[in-house]
């Protein structure tokens, strides 16, 4: 039996973890500004991506997730013609809220987070 013996990754510093967390939580600007859920993570990521690879990776992950959420919301708006869009939009909104909070908490603990059901358009 083969065992993969990679050394554990070092835990990022507190400042790095906080900036990575902000990449995820910046999506809540969407509650205040139109497209803030996209602009918040984009701005934080662009400002801090050179500081540490952990921030860069989590910024991309947060932005990719918010792009996926925006596309899903647009599809839900189109489906409102046949009524199914209303409950689907609520499901997308609640899912985005819960997953964003989980991501922020995990990243603040130094654990790299990957969102499920996300199109990774930004590599």
PDB file of N, CA and C in Angstrom:
ATOM      1  N   UNK A   1       0.847  -1.174   0.000  1.00  0.00           N
ATOM      2  CA  UNK A   1       0.000   0.000   0.000  1.00  0.00           C
ATOM      3  C   UNK A   1       0.894   1.239   0.000  1.00  0.00           C
ATOM      4  N   UNK A   2       0.613   2.178  -0.925  1.00  0.00           N
ATOM      5  CA  UNK A   2       1.382   3.419  -1.002  1.00  0.00           C
ATOM      6  C   UNK A   2       0.698   4.510  -0.198  1.00  0.00           C
ATOM      7  N   UNK A   3       1.507   5.241   0.497  1.00  0.00           N
ATOM      8  CA  UNK A   3       0.989   6.357   1.277  1.00  0.00           C
ATOM      9  C   UNK A   3       1.621   7.630   0.744  1.00  0.00           C
ATOM     10  N   UNK A   4       0.786   8.589   0.444  1.00  0.00           N
ATOM     11  CA  UNK A   4       1.282   9.881  -0.034  1.00  0.00           C
ATOM     12  C   UNK A   4       1.834  10.647   1.159  1.00  0.00           C
ATOM     13  N   UNK A   5       3.114  10.921   1.129  1.00  0.00           N
ATOM     14  CA  UNK A   5       3.740  11.559   2.292  1.00  0.00           C
ATOM     15  C   UNK A   5       4.202  12.971   1.971  1.00  0.00           C
ATOM     16  N   UNK A   6       3.253  13.827   1.664  1.00  0.00           N
ATOM     17  CA  UNK A   6       3.575  15.232   1.447  1.00  0.00           C
ATOM     18  C   UNK A   6       3.604  15.938   2.786  1.00  0.00           C
ATOM     19  N   UNK A   7       4.559  16.835   2.961  1.00  0.00           N
ATOM     20  CA  UNK A   7       4.554  17.596   4.212  1.00  0.00           C
ATOM     21  C   UNK A   7       3.355  18.541   4.244  1.00  0.00           C
ATOM     22  N   UNK A   8       2.792  18.790   5.414  1.00  0.00           N
ATOM     23  CA  UNK A   8       1.647  19.705   5.493  1.00  0.00           C
ATOM     24  C   UNK A   8       2.059  21.123   5.099  1.00  0.00           C
ATOM     25  N   UNK A   9       1.121  21.817   4.486  1.00  0.00           N
ATOM     26  CA  UNK A   9       1.381  23.200   4.089  1.00  0.00           C
ATOM     27  C   UNK A   9       1.457  24.087   5.328  1.00  0.00           C
ATOM     28  N   UNK A  10       2.318  25.081   5.308  1.00  0.00           N
ATOM     29  CA  UNK A  10       2.383  25.981   6.461  1.00  0.00           C
ATOM     30  C   UNK A  10       1.107  26.818   6.569  1.00  0.00           C
ATOM     31  N   UNK A  11       0.709  27.095   7.778  1.00  0.00           N
ATOM     32  CA  UNK A  11      -0.483  27.917   8.007  1.00  0.00           C
ATOM     33  C   UNK A  11      -0.125  29.365   7.677  1.00  0.00           C
ATOM     34  N   UNK A  12      -0.944  30.021   6.843  1.00  0.00           N
ATOM     35  CA  UNK A  12      -0.657  31.420   6.508  1.00  0.00           C
ATOM     36  C   UNK A  12      -0.707  32.314   7.752  1.00  0.00           C
ATOM     37  N   UNK A  13      -0.033  33.444   7.671  1.00  0.00           N
ATOM     38  CA  UNK A  13      -0.023  34.387   8.793  1.00  0.00           C
ATOM     39  C   UNK A  13      -1.425  34.944   9.029  1.00  0.00           C
ATOM     40  N   UNK A  14      -1.619  35.542  10.182  1.00  0.00           N
ATOM     41  CA  UNK A  14      -2.929  36.100  10.533  1.00  0.00           C
ATOM     42  C   UNK A  14      -3.360  37.160   9.529  1.00  0.00           C
ATOM     43  N   UNK A  15      -2.445  38.037   9.129  1.00  0.00           N
ATOM     44  CA  UNK A  15      -2.788  39.094   8.173  1.00  0.00           C
ATOM     45  C   UNK A  15      -3.195  38.502   6.824  1.00  0.00           C
ATOM     46  N   UNK A  16      -2.464  37.504   6.361  1.00  0.00           N
ATOM     47  CA  UNK A  16      -2.787  36.852   5.087  1.00  0.00           C
ATOM     48  C   UNK A  16      -4.163  36.200   5.170  1.00  0.00           C
ATOM     49  N   UNK A  17      -4.440  35.512   6.275  1.00  0.00           N
ATOM     50  CA  UNK A  17      -5.749  34.868   6.446  1.00  0.00           C
ATOM     51  C   UNK A  17      -6.874  35.897   6.466  1.00  0.00           C
ATOM     52  N   UNK A  18      -6.635  37.046   7.090  1.00  0.00           N
ATOM     53  CA  UNK A  18      -7.674  38.081   7.146  1.00  0.00           C
ATOM     54  C   UNK A  18      -7.950  38.668   5.765  1.00  0.00           C
ATOM     55  N   UNK A  19      -6.909  38.901   4.973  1.00  0.00           N
ATOM     56  CA  UNK A  19      -7.132  39.421   3.623  1.00  0.00           C
ATOM     57  C   UNK A  19      -7.832  38.389   2.746  1.00  0.00           C
ATOM     58  N   UNK A  20      -7.470  37.120   2.903  1.00  0.00           N
ATOM     59  CA  UNK A  20      -8.145  36.066   2.146  1.00  0.00           C
ATOM     60  C   UNK A  20      -9.618  35.981   2.547  1.00  0.00           C
ATOM     61  N   UNK A  21      -9.891  36.131   3.841  1.00  0.00           N
ATOM     62  CA  UNK A  21     -11.270  36.138   4.323  1.00  0.00           C
ATOM     63  C   UNK A  21     -12.030  37.326   3.726  1.00  0.00           C
ATOM     64  N   UNK A  22     -11.370  38.481   3.648  1.00  0.00           N
ATOM     65  CA  UNK A  22     -12.020  39.662   3.071  1.00  0.00           C
ATOM     66  C   UNK A  22     -12.363  39.459   1.599  1.00  0.00           C
ATOM     67  N   UNK A  23     -11.559  38.666   0.886  1.00  0.00           N
ATOM     68  CA  UNK A  23     -11.893  38.353  -0.507  1.00  0.00           C
ATOM     69  C   UNK A  23     -13.267  37.698  -0.585  1.00  0.00           C
ATOM     70  N   UNK A  24     -13.572  36.831   0.365  1.00  0.00           N
ATOM     71  CA  UNK A  24     -14.872  36.151   0.377  1.00  0.00           C
ATOM     72  C   UNK A  24     -15.976  37.071   0.909  1.00  0.00           C
ATOM     73  N   UNK A  25     -15.724  37.728   2.045  1.00  0.00           N
ATOM     74  CA  UNK A  25     -16.762  38.552   2.665  1.00  0.00           C
ATOM     75  C   UNK A  25     -17.038  39.846   1.905  1.00  0.00           C
ATOM     76  N   UNK A  26     -16.146  40.263   1.027  1.00  0.00           N
ATOM     77  CA  UNK A  26     -16.390  41.467   0.228  1.00  0.00           C
ATOM     78  C   UNK A  26     -17.591  41.283  -0.696  1.00  0.00           C
ATOM     79  N   UNK A  27     -18.008  40.049  -0.910  1.00  0.00           N
ATOM     80  CA  UNK A  27     -19.190  39.787  -1.735  1.00  0.00           C
ATOM     81  C   UNK A  27     -20.450  40.385  -1.117  1.00  0.00           C
ATOM     82  N   UNK A  28     -20.436  40.628   0.187  1.00  0.00           N
ATOM     83  CA  UNK A  28     -21.610  41.209   0.837  1.00  0.00           C
ATOM     84  C   UNK A  28     -21.826  42.672   0.456  1.00  0.00           C
ATOM     85  N   UNK A  29     -20.883  43.278  -0.270  1.00  0.00           N
ATOM     86  CA  UNK A  29     -21.130  44.610  -0.829  1.00  0.00           C
ATOM     87  C   UNK A  29     -22.293  44.559  -1.817  1.00  0.00           C
ATOM     88  N   UNK A  30     -22.608  43.364  -2.305  1.00  0.00           N
ATOM     89  CA  UNK A  30     -23.747  43.188  -3.195  1.00  0.00           C
ATOM     90  C   UNK A  30     -25.075  43.468  -2.519  1.00  0.00           C
ATOM     91  N   UNK A  31     -25.092  43.471  -1.200  1.00  0.00           N
ATOM     92  CA  UNK A  31     -26.315  43.818  -0.476  1.00  0.00           C
ATOM     93  C   UNK A  31     -26.564  45.318  -0.498  1.00  0.00           C
ATOM     94  N   UNK A  32     -25.518  46.087  -0.784  1.00  0.00           N
ATOM     95  CA  UNK A  32     -25.609  47.549  -0.771  1.00  0.00           C
ATOM     96  C   UNK A  32     -25.581  48.134  -2.180  1.00  0.00           C
ATOM     97  N   UNK A  33     -24.692  47.612  -3.019  1.00  0.00           N
ATOM     98  CA  UNK A  33     -24.484  48.156  -4.364  1.00  0.00           C
ATOM     99  C   UNK A  33     -24.805  47.101  -5.419  1.00  0.00           C
ATOM    100  N   UNK A  34     -25.422  47.517  -6.529  1.00  0.00           N
ATOM    101  CA  UNK A  34     -25.604  46.571  -7.633  1.00  0.00           C
ATOM    102  C   UNK A  34     -24.239  46.067  -8.113  1.00  0.00           C
ATOM    103  N   UNK A  35     -24.139  44.799  -8.331  1.00  0.00           N
ATOM    104  CA  UNK A  35     -22.909  44.126  -8.763  1.00  0.00           C
ATOM    105  C   UNK A  35     -21.792  44.229  -7.733  1.00  0.00           C
ATOM    106  N   UNK A  36     -22.114  44.630  -6.519  1.00  0.00           N
ATOM    107  CA  UNK A  36     -21.116  44.688  -5.453  1.00  0.00           C
ATOM    108  C   UNK A  36     -20.583  43.318  -5.092  1.00  0.00           C
ATOM    109  N   UNK A  37     -21.411  42.289  -5.310  1.00  0.00           N
ATOM    110  CA  UNK A  37     -20.934  40.932  -5.031  1.00  0.00           C
ATOM    111  C   UNK A  37     -19.792  40.533  -5.965  1.00  0.00           C
ATOM    112  N   UNK A  38     -19.712  41.163  -7.124  1.00  0.00           N
ATOM    113  CA  UNK A  38     -18.597  40.919  -8.046  1.00  0.00           C
ATOM    114  C   UNK A  38     -17.464  41.914  -7.823  1.00  0.00           C
ATOM    115  N   UNK A  39     -17.823  43.168  -7.614  1.00  0.00           N
ATOM    116  CA  UNK A  39     -16.802  44.215  -7.478  1.00  0.00           C
ATOM    117  C   UNK A  39     -16.024  44.113  -6.173  1.00  0.00           C
ATOM    118  N   UNK A  40     -16.676  43.754  -5.079  1.00  0.00           N
ATOM    119  CA  UNK A  40     -15.990  43.651  -3.790  1.00  0.00           C
ATOM    120  C   UNK A  40     -14.830  42.665  -3.822  1.00  0.00           C
ATOM    121  N   UNK A  41     -15.098  41.385  -4.168  1.00  0.00           N
ATOM    122  CA  UNK A  41     -13.991  40.424  -4.238  1.00  0.00           C
ATOM    123  C   UNK A  41     -12.946  40.798  -5.288  1.00  0.00           C
ATOM    124  N   UNK A  42     -13.399  41.368  -6.414  1.00  0.00           N
ATOM    125  CA  UNK A  42     -12.457  41.761  -7.469  1.00  0.00           C
ATOM    126  C   UNK A  42     -11.487  42.823  -6.972  1.00  0.00           C
ATOM    127  N   UNK A  43     -11.994  43.819  -6.275  1.00  0.00           N
ATOM    128  CA  UNK A  43     -11.140  44.910  -5.784  1.00  0.00           C
ATOM    129  C   UNK A  43     -10.155  44.397  -4.737  1.00  0.00           C
ATOM    130  N   UNK A  44     -10.643  43.627  -3.773  1.00  0.00           N
ATOM    131  CA  UNK A  44      -9.745  43.110  -2.726  1.00  0.00           C
ATOM    132  C   UNK A  44      -8.683  42.207  -3.350  1.00  0.00           C
ATOM    133  N   UNK A  45      -9.102  41.338  -4.259  1.00  0.00           N
ATOM    134  CA  UNK A  45      -8.156  40.424  -4.904  1.00  0.00           C
ATOM    135  C   UNK A  45      -7.104  41.196  -5.704  1.00  0.00           C
ATOM    136  N   UNK A  46      -7.541  42.187  -6.478  1.00  0.00           N
ATOM    137  CA  UNK A  46      -6.594  42.962  -7.286  1.00  0.00           C
ATOM    138  C   UNK A  46      -5.598  43.727  -6.418  1.00  0.00           C
ATOM    139  N   UNK A  47      -6.050  44.213  -5.281  1.00  0.00           N
ATOM    140  CA  UNK A  47      -5.157  44.971  -4.403  1.00  0.00           C
ATOM    141  C   UNK A  47      -4.152  44.087  -3.673  1.00  0.00           C
ATOM    142  N   UNK A  48      -4.524  42.848  -3.373  1.00  0.00           N
ATOM    143  CA  UNK A  48      -3.697  42.020  -2.493  1.00  0.00           C
ATOM    144  C   UNK A  48      -3.176  40.723  -3.106  1.00  0.00           C
ATOM    145  N   UNK A  49      -3.458  40.445  -4.368  1.00  0.00           N
ATOM    146  CA  UNK A  49      -3.070  39.153  -4.940  1.00  0.00           C
ATOM    147  C   UNK A  49      -1.566  38.938  -4.997  1.00  0.00           C
ATOM    148  N   UNK A  50      -0.794  40.011  -5.079  1.00  0.00           N
ATOM    149  CA  UNK A  50       0.664  39.890  -5.131  1.00  0.00           C
ATOM    150  C   UNK A  50       1.271  39.653  -3.747  1.00  0.00           C
ATOM    151  N   UNK A  51       0.515  39.901  -2.701  1.00  0.00           N
ATOM    152  CA  UNK A  51       1.048  39.812  -1.337  1.00  0.00           C
ATOM    153  C   UNK A  51       1.348  38.374  -0.915  1.00  0.00           C
ATOM    154  N   UNK A  52       0.497  37.422  -1.341  1.00  0.00           N
ATOM    155  CA  UNK A  52       0.684  36.039  -0.904  1.00  0.00           C
ATOM    156  C   UNK A  52      -0.096  35.111  -1.842  1.00  0.00           C
ATOM    157  N   UNK A  53       0.434  33.931  -2.150  1.00  0.00           N
ATOM    158  CA  UNK A  53      -0.291  32.992  -3.018  1.00  0.00           C
ATOM    159  C   UNK A  53      -1.630  32.538  -2.431  1.00  0.00           C
ATOM    160  N   UNK A  54      -1.741  32.492  -1.104  1.00  0.00           N
ATOM    161  CA  UNK A  54      -2.996  32.098  -0.458  1.00  0.00           C
ATOM    162  C   UNK A  54      -4.087  33.125  -0.748  1.00  0.00           C
ATOM    163  N   UNK A  55      -3.747  34.404  -0.671  1.00  0.00           N
ATOM    164  CA  UNK A  55      -4.713  35.467  -0.985  1.00  0.00           C
ATOM    165  C   UNK A  55      -5.094  35.396  -2.454  1.00  0.00           C
ATOM    166  N   UNK A  56      -4.115  35.181  -3.320  1.00  0.00           N
ATOM    167  CA  UNK A  56      -4.370  35.089  -4.755  1.00  0.00           C
ATOM    168  C   UNK A  56      -5.340  33.944  -5.055  1.00  0.00           C
ATOM    169  N   UNK A  57      -5.084  32.774  -4.496  1.00  0.00           N
ATOM    170  CA  UNK A  57      -5.934  31.607  -4.751  1.00  0.00           C
ATOM    171  C   UNK A  57      -7.345  31.811  -4.209  1.00  0.00           C
ATOM    172  N   UNK A  58      -7.468  32.353  -3.000  1.00  0.00           N
ATOM    173  CA  UNK A  58      -8.788  32.549  -2.409  1.00  0.00           C
ATOM    174  C   UNK A  58      -9.545  33.689  -3.085  1.00  0.00           C
ATOM    175  N   UNK A  59      -8.831  34.697  -3.551  1.00  0.00           N
ATOM    176  CA  UNK A  59      -9.472  35.774  -4.303  1.00  0.00           C
ATOM    177  C   UNK A  59     -10.068  35.262  -5.600  1.00  0.00           C
ATOM    178  N   UNK A  60      -9.322  34.422  -6.303  1.00  0.00           N
ATOM    179  CA  UNK A  60      -9.839  33.815  -7.538  1.00  0.00           C
ATOM    180  C   UNK A  60     -11.050  32.944  -7.238  1.00  0.00           C
ATOM    181  N   UNK A  61     -10.953  32.163  -6.178  1.00  0.00           N
ATOM    182  CA  UNK A  61     -12.053  31.271  -5.806  1.00  0.00           C
ATOM    183  C   UNK A  61     -13.313  32.078  -5.470  1.00  0.00           C
ATOM    184  N   UNK A  62     -13.160  33.141  -4.689  1.00  0.00           N
ATOM    185  CA  UNK A  62     -14.304  33.980  -4.318  1.00  0.00           C
ATOM    186  C   UNK A  62     -14.918  34.641  -5.548  1.00  0.00           C
ATOM    187  N   UNK A  63     -14.076  35.157  -6.419  1.00  0.00           N
ATOM    188  CA  UNK A  63     -14.577  35.827  -7.626  1.00  0.00           C
ATOM    189  C   UNK A  63     -15.268  34.833  -8.556  1.00  0.00           C
ATOM    190  N   UNK A  64     -14.683  33.660  -8.747  1.00  0.00           N
ATOM    191  CA  UNK A  64     -15.317  32.640  -9.582  1.00  0.00           C
ATOM    192  C   UNK A  64     -16.683  32.244  -9.028  1.00  0.00           C
ATOM    193  N   UNK A  65     -16.781  32.107  -7.715  1.00  0.00           N
ATOM    194  CA  UNK A  65     -18.064  31.748  -7.115  1.00  0.00           C
ATOM    195  C   UNK A  65     -19.093  32.851  -7.337  1.00  0.00           C
ATOM    196  N   UNK A  66     -18.697  34.097  -7.162  1.00  0.00           N
ATOM    197  CA  UNK A  66     -19.643  35.197  -7.337  1.00  0.00           C
ATOM    198  C   UNK A  66     -20.067  35.346  -8.800  1.00  0.00           C
ATOM    199  N   UNK A  67     -19.174  35.044  -9.731  1.00  0.00           N
ATOM    200  CA  UNK A  67     -19.554  35.034 -11.152  1.00  0.00           C
ATOM    201  C   UNK A  67     -20.590  33.937 -11.386  1.00  0.00           C
ATOM    202  N   UNK A  68     -20.366  32.770 -10.805  1.00  0.00           N
ATOM    203  CA  UNK A  68     -21.313  31.659 -10.933  1.00  0.00           C
ATOM    204  C   UNK A  68     -22.670  32.031 -10.335  1.00  0.00           C
ATOM    205  N   UNK A  69     -22.664  32.669  -9.181  1.00  0.00           N
ATOM    206  CA  UNK A  69     -23.913  33.102  -8.538  1.00  0.00           C
ATOM    207  C   UNK A  69     -24.635  34.122  -9.419  1.00  0.00           C
ATOM    208  N   UNK A  70     -23.911  35.059 -10.000  1.00  0.00           N
ATOM    209  CA  UNK A  70     -24.527  36.075 -10.867  1.00  0.00           C
ATOM    210  C   UNK A  70     -25.170  35.423 -12.093  1.00  0.00           C
ATOM    211  N   UNK A  71     -24.492  34.458 -12.685  1.00  0.00           N
ATOM    212  CA  UNK A  71     -25.057  33.756 -13.845  1.00  0.00           C
ATOM    213  C   UNK A  71     -26.304  32.980 -13.431  1.00  0.00           C
ATOM    214  N   UNK A  72     -26.242  32.291 -12.296  1.00  0.00           N
ATOM    215  CA  UNK A  72     -27.406  31.539 -11.807  1.00  0.00           C
ATOM    216  C   UNK A  72     -28.577  32.479 -11.518  1.00  0.00           C
ATOM    217  N   UNK A  73     -28.299  33.654 -10.956  1.00  0.00           N
ATOM    218  CA  UNK A  73     -29.364  34.625 -10.670  1.00  0.00           C
ATOM    219  C   UNK A  73     -30.003  35.126 -11.966  1.00  0.00           C
ATOM    220  N   UNK A  74     -29.185  35.368 -12.982  1.00  0.00           N
ATOM    221  CA  UNK A  74     -29.739  35.807 -14.274  1.00  0.00           C
ATOM    222  C   UNK A  74     -30.644  34.733 -14.872  1.00  0.00           C
ATOM    223  N   UNK A  75     -30.240  33.487 -14.772  1.00  0.00           N
ATOM    224  CA  UNK A  75     -31.073  32.387 -15.266  1.00  0.00           C
ATOM    225  C   UNK A  75     -32.377  32.323 -14.474  1.00  0.00           C
ATOM    226  N   UNK A  76     -32.309  32.526 -13.175  1.00  0.00           N
ATOM    227  CA  UNK A  76     -33.520  32.535 -12.341  1.00  0.00           C
ATOM    228  C   UNK A  76     -34.461  33.660 -12.747  1.00  0.00           C
ATOM    229  N   UNK A  77     -33.900  34.840 -13.048  1.00  0.00           N
ATOM    230  CA  UNK A  77     -34.744  35.952 -13.496  1.00  0.00           C
ATOM    231  C   UNK A  77     -35.463  35.591 -14.786  1.00  0.00           C
ATOM    232  N   UNK A  78     -34.773  34.923 -15.692  1.00  0.00           N
ATOM    233  CA  UNK A  78     -35.424  34.494 -16.930  1.00  0.00           C
ATOM    234  C   UNK A  78     -36.511  33.457 -16.653  1.00  0.00           C
ATOM    235  N   UNK A  79     -36.281  32.598 -15.678  1.00  0.00           N
ATOM    236  CA  UNK A  79     -37.256  31.556 -15.349  1.00  0.00           C
ATOM    237  C   UNK A  79     -38.446  32.082 -14.552  1.00  0.00           C
ATOM    238  N   UNK A  80     -38.408  33.335 -14.151  1.00  0.00           N
ATOM    239  CA  UNK A  80     -39.552  33.905 -13.435  1.00  0.00           C
ATOM    240  C   UNK A  80     -40.779  34.001 -14.326  1.00  0.00           C
ATOM    241  N   UNK A  81     -40.578  33.931 -15.612  1.00  0.00           N
ATOM    242  CA  UNK A  81     -41.705  33.930 -16.555  1.00  0.00           C
ATOM    243  C   UNK A  81     -42.592  32.718 -16.290  1.00  0.00           C
ATOM    244  N   UNK A  82     -41.981  31.606 -15.939  1.00  0.00           N
ATOM    245  CA  UNK A  82     -42.744  30.386 -15.678  1.00  0.00           C
ATOM    246  C   UNK A  82     -42.810  30.069 -14.181  1.00  0.00           C
ATOM    247  N   UNK A  83     -42.658  31.055 -13.347  1.00  0.00           N
ATOM    248  CA  UNK A  83     -42.837  31.030 -11.897  1.00  0.00           C
ATOM    249  C   UNK A  83     -41.739  30.265 -11.140  1.00  0.00           C
ATOM    250  N   UNK A  84     -41.118  29.271 -11.728  1.00  0.00           N
ATOM    251  CA  UNK A  84     -40.106  28.476 -11.025  1.00  0.00           C
ATOM    252  C   UNK A  84     -38.890  29.323 -10.638  1.00  0.00           C
ATOM    253  N   UNK A  85     -38.706  30.451 -11.297  1.00  0.00           N
ATOM    254  CA  UNK A  85     -37.558  31.307 -11.017  1.00  0.00           C
ATOM    255  C   UNK A  85     -37.563  31.905  -9.622  1.00  0.00           C
ATOM    256  N   UNK A  86     -38.735  32.171  -9.063  1.00  0.00           N
ATOM    257  CA  UNK A  86     -38.814  32.773  -7.724  1.00  0.00           C
ATOM    258  C   UNK A  86     -38.204  31.873  -6.649  1.00  0.00           C
ATOM    259  N   UNK A  87     -38.659  30.620  -6.530  1.00  0.00           N
ATOM    260  CA  UNK A  87     -38.036  29.769  -5.500  1.00  0.00           C
ATOM    261  C   UNK A  87     -36.572  29.448  -5.810  1.00  0.00           C
ATOM    262  N   UNK A  88     -36.238  29.328  -7.086  1.00  0.00           N
ATOM    263  CA  UNK A  88     -34.838  29.060  -7.433  1.00  0.00           C
ATOM    264  C   UNK A  88     -33.933  30.229  -7.057  1.00  0.00           C
ATOM    265  N   UNK A  89     -34.420  31.454  -7.261  1.00  0.00           N
ATOM    266  CA  UNK A  89     -33.631  32.631  -6.900  1.00  0.00           C
ATOM    267  C   UNK A  89     -33.406  32.678  -5.385  1.00  0.00           C
ATOM    268  N   UNK A  90     -34.434  32.329  -4.627  1.00  0.00           N
ATOM    269  CA  UNK A  90     -34.268  32.283  -3.166  1.00  0.00           C
ATOM    270  C   UNK A  90     -33.250  31.219  -2.771  1.00  0.00           C
ATOM    271  N   UNK A  91     -33.302  30.074  -3.423  1.00  0.00           N
ATOM    272  CA  UNK A  91     -32.351  28.997  -3.147  1.00  0.00           C
ATOM    273  C   UNK A  91     -30.919  29.431  -3.478  1.00  0.00           C
ATOM    274  N   UNK A  92     -30.741  30.097  -4.609  1.00  0.00           N
ATOM    275  CA  UNK A  92     -29.416  30.595  -4.998  1.00  0.00           C
ATOM    276  C   UNK A  92     -28.920  31.612  -3.969  1.00  0.00           C
ATOM    277  N   UNK A  93     -29.796  32.516  -3.543  1.00  0.00           N
ATOM    278  CA  UNK A  93     -29.406  33.540  -2.574  1.00  0.00           C
ATOM    279  C   UNK A  93     -29.005  32.962  -1.223  1.00  0.00           C
ATOM    280  N   UNK A  94     -29.807  32.048  -0.714  1.00  0.00           N
ATOM    281  CA  UNK A  94     -29.499  31.428   0.580  1.00  0.00           C
ATOM    282  C   UNK A  94     -28.227  30.581   0.470  1.00  0.00           C
ATOM    283  N   UNK A  95     -28.102  29.843  -0.621  1.00  0.00           N
ATOM    284  CA  UNK A  95     -26.901  29.031  -0.829  1.00  0.00           C
ATOM    285  C   UNK A  95     -25.648  29.883  -0.895  1.00  0.00           C
ATOM    286  N   UNK A  96     -25.728  30.999  -1.617  1.00  0.00           N
ATOM    287  CA  UNK A  96     -24.575  31.898  -1.722  1.00  0.00           C
ATOM    288  C   UNK A  96     -24.213  32.480  -0.359  1.00  0.00           C
ATOM    289  N   UNK A  97     -25.217  32.868   0.409  1.00  0.00           N
ATOM    290  CA  UNK A  97     -24.974  33.417   1.746  1.00  0.00           C
ATOM    291  C   UNK A  97     -24.266  32.400   2.644  1.00  0.00           C
ATOM    292  N   UNK A  98     -24.808  31.192   2.701  1.00  0.00           N
ATOM    293  CA  UNK A  98     -24.255  30.153   3.572  1.00  0.00           C
ATOM    294  C   UNK A  98     -22.841  29.764   3.136  1.00  0.00           C
ATOM    295  N   UNK A  99     -22.649  29.530   1.840  1.00  0.00           N
ATOM    296  CA  UNK A  99     -21.331  29.105   1.361  1.00  0.00           C
ATOM    297  C   UNK A  99     -20.282  30.200   1.518  1.00  0.00           C
ATOM    298  N   UNK A 100     -20.683  31.460   1.361  1.00  0.00           N
ATOM    299  CA  UNK A 100     -19.735  32.560   1.542  1.00  0.00           C
ATOM    300  C   UNK A 100     -19.285  32.647   2.999  1.00  0.00           C
ATOM    301  N   UNK A 101     -20.215  32.478   3.924  1.00  0.00           N
ATOM    302  CA  UNK A 101     -19.856  32.504   5.348  1.00  0.00           C
ATOM    303  C   UNK A 101     -18.945  31.324   5.690  1.00  0.00           C
ATOM    304  N   UNK A 102     -19.276  30.140   5.196  1.00  0.00           N
ATOM    305  CA  UNK A 102     -18.430  28.967   5.444  1.00  0.00           C
ATOM    306  C   UNK A 102     -17.027  29.206   4.896  1.00  0.00           C
ATOM    307  N   UNK A 103     -16.945  29.741   3.683  1.00  0.00           N
ATOM    308  CA  UNK A 103     -15.635  30.000   3.065  1.00  0.00           C
ATOM    309  C   UNK A 103     -14.819  30.981   3.895  1.00  0.00           C
ATOM    310  N   UNK A 104     -15.442  32.067   4.325  1.00  0.00           N
ATOM    311  CA  UNK A 104     -14.725  33.059   5.118  1.00  0.00           C
ATOM    312  C   UNK A 104     -14.198  32.501   6.426  1.00  0.00           C
ATOM    313  N   UNK A 105     -15.007  31.687   7.088  1.00  0.00           N
ATOM    314  CA  UNK A 105     -14.590  31.095   8.365  1.00  0.00           C
ATOM    315  C   UNK A 105     -13.446  30.100   8.148  1.00  0.00           C
ATOM    316  N   UNK A 106     -13.574  29.243   7.137  1.00  0.00           N
ATOM    317  CA  UNK A 106     -12.518  28.261   6.854  1.00  0.00           C
ATOM    318  C   UNK A 106     -11.204  28.950   6.509  1.00  0.00           C
ATOM    319  N   UNK A 107     -11.274  29.947   5.650  1.00  0.00           N
ATOM    320  CA  UNK A 107     -10.063  30.651   5.221  1.00  0.00           C
ATOM    321  C   UNK A 107      -9.425  31.377   6.403  1.00  0.00           C
ATOM    322  N   UNK A 108     -10.234  31.928   7.281  1.00  0.00           N
ATOM    323  CA  UNK A 108      -9.689  32.595   8.463  1.00  0.00           C
ATOM    324  C   UNK A 108      -8.984  31.599   9.394  1.00  0.00           C
ATOM    325  N   UNK A 109      -9.364  30.329   9.305  1.00  0.00           N
ATOM    326  CA  UNK A 109      -8.683  29.279  10.069  1.00  0.00           C
ATOM    327  C   UNK A 109      -7.432  28.770   9.352  1.00  0.00           C
ATOM    328  N   UNK A 110      -7.162  29.300   8.153  1.00  0.00           N
ATOM    329  CA  UNK A 110      -5.976  28.898   7.399  1.00  0.00           C
ATOM    330  C   UNK A 110      -6.192  27.722   6.476  1.00  0.00           C
ATOM    331  N   UNK A 111      -7.452  27.349   6.252  1.00  0.00           N
ATOM    332  CA  UNK A 111      -7.790  26.217   5.389  1.00  0.00           C
ATOM    333  C   UNK A 111      -8.249  26.758   4.039  1.00  0.00           C
ATOM    334  N   UNK A 112      -7.581  26.348   2.972  1.00  0.00           N
ATOM    335  CA  UNK A 112      -7.983  26.775   1.627  1.00  0.00           C
ATOM    336  C   UNK A 112      -9.368  26.204   1.328  1.00  0.00           C
ATOM    337  N   UNK A 113     -10.276  27.034   0.831  1.00  0.00           N
ATOM    338  CA  UNK A 113     -11.654  26.614   0.591  1.00  0.00           C
ATOM    339  C   UNK A 113     -11.943  26.602  -0.900  1.00  0.00           C
ATOM    340  N   UNK A 114     -12.625  25.549  -1.350  1.00  0.00           N
ATOM    341  CA  UNK A 114     -13.092  25.450  -2.730  1.00  0.00           C
ATOM    342  C   UNK A 114     -14.616  25.360  -2.690  1.00  0.00           C
ATOM    343  N   UNK A 115     -15.273  26.306  -3.362  1.00  0.00           N
ATOM    344  CA  UNK A 115     -16.734  26.294  -3.417  1.00  0.00           C
ATOM    345  C   UNK A 115     -17.215  25.131  -4.282  1.00  0.00           C
ATOM    346  N   UNK A 116     -18.301  24.463  -3.868  1.00  0.00           N
ATOM    347  CA  UNK A 116     -18.888  23.447  -4.749  1.00  0.00           C
ATOM    348  C   UNK A 116     -19.702  24.124  -5.855  1.00  0.00           C
ATOM    349  N   UNK A 117     -19.916  23.422  -6.933  1.00  0.00           N
ATOM    350  CA  UNK A 117     -20.767  23.882  -8.044  1.00  0.00           C
ATOM    351  C   UNK A 117     -20.299  25.208  -8.640  1.00  0.00           C
ATOM    352  N   UNK A 118     -19.004  25.421  -8.732  1.00  0.00           N
ATOM    353  CA  UNK A 118     -18.476  26.700  -9.209  1.00  0.00           C
ATOM    354  C   UNK A 118     -17.760  26.520 -10.530  1.00  0.00           C
ATOM    355  N   UNK A 119     -18.075  27.403 -11.485  1.00  0.00           N
ATOM    356  CA  UNK A 119     -17.310  27.449 -12.732  1.00  0.00           C
ATOM    357  C   UNK A 119     -16.057  28.246 -12.454  1.00  0.00           C
ATOM    358  N   UNK A 120     -14.936  27.649 -12.666  1.00  0.00           N
ATOM    359  CA  UNK A 120     -13.660  28.332 -12.411  1.00  0.00           C
ATOM    360  C   UNK A 120     -13.178  28.973 -13.703  1.00  0.00           C
ATOM    361  N   UNK A 121     -13.706  30.153 -13.979  1.00  0.00           N
ATOM    362  CA  UNK A 121     -13.388  30.878 -15.208  1.00  0.00           C
ATOM    363  C   UNK A 121     -12.056  31.608 -15.107  1.00  0.00           C
ATOM    364  N   UNK A 122     -11.704  32.038 -13.915  1.00  0.00           N
ATOM    365  CA  UNK A 122     -10.436  32.742 -13.684  1.00  0.00           C
ATOM    366  C   UNK A 122      -9.466  31.722 -13.112  1.00  0.00           C
ATOM    367  N   UNK A 123      -8.396  31.500 -13.839  1.00  0.00           N
ATOM    368  CA  UNK A 123      -7.432  30.459 -13.417  1.00  0.00           C
ATOM    369  C   UNK A 123      -6.287  31.055 -12.657  1.00  0.00           C
TER     370      UNK A 123
END
